[in-house]
């Protein structure tokens, strides 16, 4: 049985998705992507990774929200 044709490691999956290897582990821990830990390495099925890659958005950080006021707004100079 040749596993190189059916599974990829977490580092290879991170390269495919264009993210950091630690980020792929966070995705696995959150349950969004299933994987098996064998010999202290995460192994991910290739077909499942390709399905996950179709919907994955690798945006960084938290979503930005517009500030309610700035220093130039009248609320700032209320005193």
N, C-alpha and C. Protein backbone atom coordinates (compact mmCIF):
# COMPACT_ATOMS: atom_id res chain seq x y z
N UNK A 1 0.84 -1.18 0.00
CA UNK A 1 0.00 0.00 0.00
C UNK A 1 0.88 1.24 0.00
N UNK A 2 0.71 2.08 -1.01
CA UNK A 2 1.53 3.27 -1.15
C UNK A 2 0.73 4.49 -0.69
N UNK A 3 1.14 5.06 0.44
CA UNK A 3 0.40 6.18 1.01
C UNK A 3 0.71 7.51 0.33
N UNK A 4 1.80 7.61 -0.41
CA UNK A 4 2.17 8.89 -1.02
C UNK A 4 1.17 9.34 -2.07
N UNK A 5 0.41 8.42 -2.63
CA UNK A 5 -0.59 8.78 -3.64
C UNK A 5 -1.93 9.19 -3.03
N UNK A 6 -2.17 8.84 -1.77
CA UNK A 6 -3.48 9.08 -1.19
C UNK A 6 -3.49 10.11 -0.06
N UNK A 7 -2.36 10.31 0.62
CA UNK A 7 -2.33 11.25 1.75
C UNK A 7 -1.18 12.24 1.58
N UNK A 8 -1.33 13.40 2.25
CA UNK A 8 -0.27 14.40 2.31
C UNK A 8 -0.04 14.78 3.76
N UNK A 9 1.15 15.25 4.06
CA UNK A 9 1.45 15.69 5.43
C UNK A 9 0.88 17.09 5.63
N UNK A 10 0.89 17.55 6.87
CA UNK A 10 0.36 18.88 7.16
C UNK A 10 1.22 19.96 6.52
N UNK A 11 2.53 19.75 6.42
CA UNK A 11 3.40 20.73 5.78
C UNK A 11 3.10 20.84 4.28
N UNK A 12 2.88 19.70 3.63
CA UNK A 12 2.54 19.71 2.21
C UNK A 12 1.16 20.35 1.98
N UNK A 13 0.23 20.08 2.88
CA UNK A 13 -1.10 20.67 2.78
C UNK A 13 -1.04 22.18 2.96
N UNK A 14 -0.17 22.65 3.85
CA UNK A 14 -0.01 24.08 4.06
C UNK A 14 0.55 24.74 2.80
N UNK A 15 1.48 24.09 2.13
CA UNK A 15 2.02 24.63 0.87
C UNK A 15 0.94 24.69 -0.21
N UNK A 16 0.10 23.68 -0.26
CA UNK A 16 -0.97 23.65 -1.26
C UNK A 16 -1.96 24.78 -1.02
N UNK A 17 -2.30 25.02 0.25
CA UNK A 17 -3.26 26.06 0.59
C UNK A 17 -2.63 27.45 0.67
N UNK A 18 -1.30 27.52 0.73
CA UNK A 18 -0.61 28.80 0.81
C UNK A 18 -0.65 29.43 2.18
N UNK A 19 -0.63 28.59 3.22
CA UNK A 19 -0.65 29.10 4.60
C UNK A 19 0.50 28.49 5.39
N UNK A 20 0.67 28.95 6.61
CA UNK A 20 1.73 28.46 7.50
C UNK A 20 1.34 27.08 8.04
N UNK A 21 2.32 26.19 8.28
CA UNK A 21 2.00 24.86 8.82
C UNK A 21 1.26 24.89 10.16
N UNK A 22 1.52 25.88 10.98
CA UNK A 22 0.79 25.99 12.25
C UNK A 22 -0.68 26.31 11.98
N UNK A 23 -0.94 27.10 10.94
CA UNK A 23 -2.32 27.44 10.60
C UNK A 23 -3.10 26.21 10.15
N UNK A 24 -2.47 25.31 9.43
CA UNK A 24 -3.17 24.09 9.00
C UNK A 24 -3.49 23.22 10.21
N UNK A 25 -2.61 23.23 11.21
CA UNK A 25 -2.90 22.49 12.43
C UNK A 25 -4.08 23.10 13.18
N UNK A 26 -4.21 24.42 13.16
CA UNK A 26 -5.36 25.07 13.78
C UNK A 26 -6.65 24.71 13.06
N UNK A 27 -6.57 24.59 11.73
CA UNK A 27 -7.74 24.19 10.95
C UNK A 27 -8.13 22.76 11.31
N UNK A 28 -7.14 21.89 11.49
CA UNK A 28 -7.41 20.50 11.86
C UNK A 28 -8.01 20.44 13.25
N UNK A 29 -7.44 21.19 14.20
CA UNK A 29 -7.95 21.18 15.57
C UNK A 29 -9.38 21.73 15.64
N UNK A 30 -9.71 22.70 14.79
CA UNK A 30 -11.06 23.27 14.81
C UNK A 30 -12.10 22.30 14.25
N UNK A 31 -11.65 21.29 13.51
CA UNK A 31 -12.56 20.30 12.97
C UNK A 31 -13.01 20.59 11.55
N UNK A 32 -12.52 21.66 10.96
CA UNK A 32 -12.90 22.00 9.59
C UNK A 32 -12.30 21.05 8.57
N UNK A 33 -11.17 20.46 8.92
CA UNK A 33 -10.47 19.51 8.04
C UNK A 33 -10.11 18.29 8.87
N UNK A 34 -10.51 17.12 8.43
CA UNK A 34 -10.20 15.92 9.19
C UNK A 34 -8.84 15.36 8.78
N UNK A 35 -8.14 14.84 9.76
CA UNK A 35 -6.82 14.27 9.53
C UNK A 35 -6.55 13.21 10.59
N UNK A 36 -5.57 12.38 10.33
CA UNK A 36 -5.16 11.36 11.29
C UNK A 36 -3.74 11.64 11.73
N UNK A 37 -3.50 11.50 13.03
CA UNK A 37 -2.15 11.70 13.55
C UNK A 37 -1.48 10.34 13.68
N UNK A 38 -0.45 10.14 12.86
CA UNK A 38 0.30 8.89 12.86
C UNK A 38 1.77 9.23 13.01
N UNK A 39 2.41 8.63 13.99
CA UNK A 39 3.84 8.85 14.26
C UNK A 39 4.13 10.34 14.46
N UNK A 40 3.26 11.01 15.22
CA UNK A 40 3.41 12.42 15.57
C UNK A 40 3.35 13.35 14.35
N UNK A 41 2.68 12.92 13.28
CA UNK A 41 2.48 13.74 12.08
C UNK A 41 1.03 13.66 11.66
N UNK A 42 0.53 14.78 11.18
CA UNK A 42 -0.84 14.83 10.68
C UNK A 42 -0.84 14.40 9.21
N UNK A 43 -1.67 13.42 8.88
CA UNK A 43 -1.83 12.95 7.51
C UNK A 43 -3.25 13.26 7.05
N UNK A 44 -3.36 13.90 5.89
CA UNK A 44 -4.64 14.37 5.36
C UNK A 44 -4.88 13.68 4.03
N UNK A 45 -6.09 13.21 3.81
CA UNK A 45 -6.46 12.60 2.54
C UNK A 45 -6.41 13.65 1.44
N UNK A 46 -5.81 13.31 0.28
CA UNK A 46 -5.67 14.26 -0.83
C UNK A 46 -7.01 14.72 -1.37
N UNK A 47 -7.95 13.79 -1.55
CA UNK A 47 -9.24 14.19 -2.10
C UNK A 47 -10.01 15.09 -1.16
N UNK A 48 -9.88 14.86 0.14
CA UNK A 48 -10.53 15.73 1.12
C UNK A 48 -9.89 17.12 1.14
N UNK A 49 -8.57 17.17 0.96
CA UNK A 49 -7.87 18.45 0.93
C UNK A 49 -8.28 19.26 -0.29
N UNK A 50 -8.45 18.62 -1.43
CA UNK A 50 -8.86 19.35 -2.62
C UNK A 50 -10.28 19.89 -2.48
N UNK A 51 -11.16 19.14 -1.83
CA UNK A 51 -12.52 19.63 -1.58
C UNK A 51 -12.49 20.80 -0.60
N UNK A 52 -11.64 20.71 0.41
CA UNK A 52 -11.52 21.79 1.40
C UNK A 52 -10.93 23.04 0.76
N UNK A 53 -9.98 22.87 -0.15
CA UNK A 53 -9.32 24.00 -0.79
C UNK A 53 -10.27 24.81 -1.66
N UNK A 54 -11.34 24.19 -2.15
CA UNK A 54 -12.30 24.90 -2.99
C UNK A 54 -13.04 25.99 -2.23
N UNK A 55 -13.25 25.79 -0.93
CA UNK A 55 -14.02 26.74 -0.14
C UNK A 55 -13.19 27.51 0.88
N UNK A 56 -11.90 27.20 0.99
CA UNK A 56 -11.08 27.82 2.03
C UNK A 56 -10.65 29.22 1.62
N UNK A 57 -10.77 30.18 2.54
CA UNK A 57 -10.33 31.55 2.33
C UNK A 57 -9.19 31.83 3.30
N UNK A 58 -7.94 31.95 2.81
CA UNK A 58 -6.81 32.12 3.73
C UNK A 58 -6.60 33.56 4.19
N UNK A 59 -7.68 34.27 4.55
CA UNK A 59 -7.51 35.65 5.02
C UNK A 59 -6.84 35.66 6.39
N UNK A 60 -6.06 36.69 6.63
CA UNK A 60 -5.28 36.76 7.85
C UNK A 60 -5.97 37.64 8.88
N UNK A 61 -5.80 37.29 10.14
CA UNK A 61 -6.27 38.13 11.24
C UNK A 61 -7.77 38.16 11.40
N UNK A 62 -8.21 39.04 12.28
CA UNK A 62 -9.63 39.16 12.53
C UNK A 62 -10.27 40.09 11.50
N UNK A 63 -11.56 39.98 11.31
CA UNK A 63 -12.22 40.85 10.33
C UNK A 63 -12.17 42.31 10.77
N UNK A 64 -11.94 43.19 9.84
CA UNK A 64 -11.86 44.62 10.15
C UNK A 64 -13.25 45.19 10.28
N UNK A 65 -13.41 46.06 11.25
CA UNK A 65 -14.67 46.77 11.42
C UNK A 65 -14.39 48.26 11.32
N UNK A 66 -15.36 48.99 10.82
CA UNK A 66 -15.19 50.43 10.68
C UNK A 66 -15.29 51.08 12.05
N UNK A 67 -14.40 52.05 12.30
CA UNK A 67 -14.43 52.75 13.57
C UNK A 67 -15.66 53.64 13.64
N UNK A 68 -16.23 53.76 14.83
CA UNK A 68 -17.44 54.55 14.99
C UNK A 68 -17.14 56.04 14.93
N UNK A 69 -15.96 56.44 15.38
CA UNK A 69 -15.59 57.85 15.32
C UNK A 69 -14.09 57.98 15.20
N UNK A 70 -13.64 59.12 14.73
CA UNK A 70 -12.21 59.41 14.63
C UNK A 70 -11.93 60.70 15.38
N UNK A 71 -10.69 61.11 15.41
CA UNK A 71 -10.34 62.34 16.13
C UNK A 71 -10.96 63.57 15.47
N UNK A 72 -11.29 63.48 14.21
CA UNK A 72 -11.89 64.62 13.50
C UNK A 72 -13.40 64.69 13.66
N UNK A 73 -14.01 63.67 14.23
CA UNK A 73 -15.46 63.67 14.35
C UNK A 73 -15.92 64.60 15.48
N UNK A 74 -17.14 65.11 15.40
CA UNK A 74 -17.62 66.04 16.43
C UNK A 74 -17.73 65.39 17.81
N UNK A 75 -17.91 64.07 17.88
CA UNK A 75 -18.02 63.40 19.18
C UNK A 75 -16.70 63.56 19.96
N UNK A 76 -15.57 63.55 19.26
CA UNK A 76 -14.27 63.64 19.91
C UNK A 76 -14.08 64.99 20.58
N UNK A 77 -14.56 66.06 19.98
CA UNK A 77 -14.42 67.42 20.51
C UNK A 77 -15.66 67.87 21.27
N UNK A 78 -16.35 66.94 21.95
CA UNK A 78 -17.59 67.26 22.65
C UNK A 78 -17.33 68.11 23.89
N UNK A 79 -16.15 68.12 24.46
CA UNK A 79 -15.90 68.87 25.70
C UNK A 79 -15.81 70.32 25.44
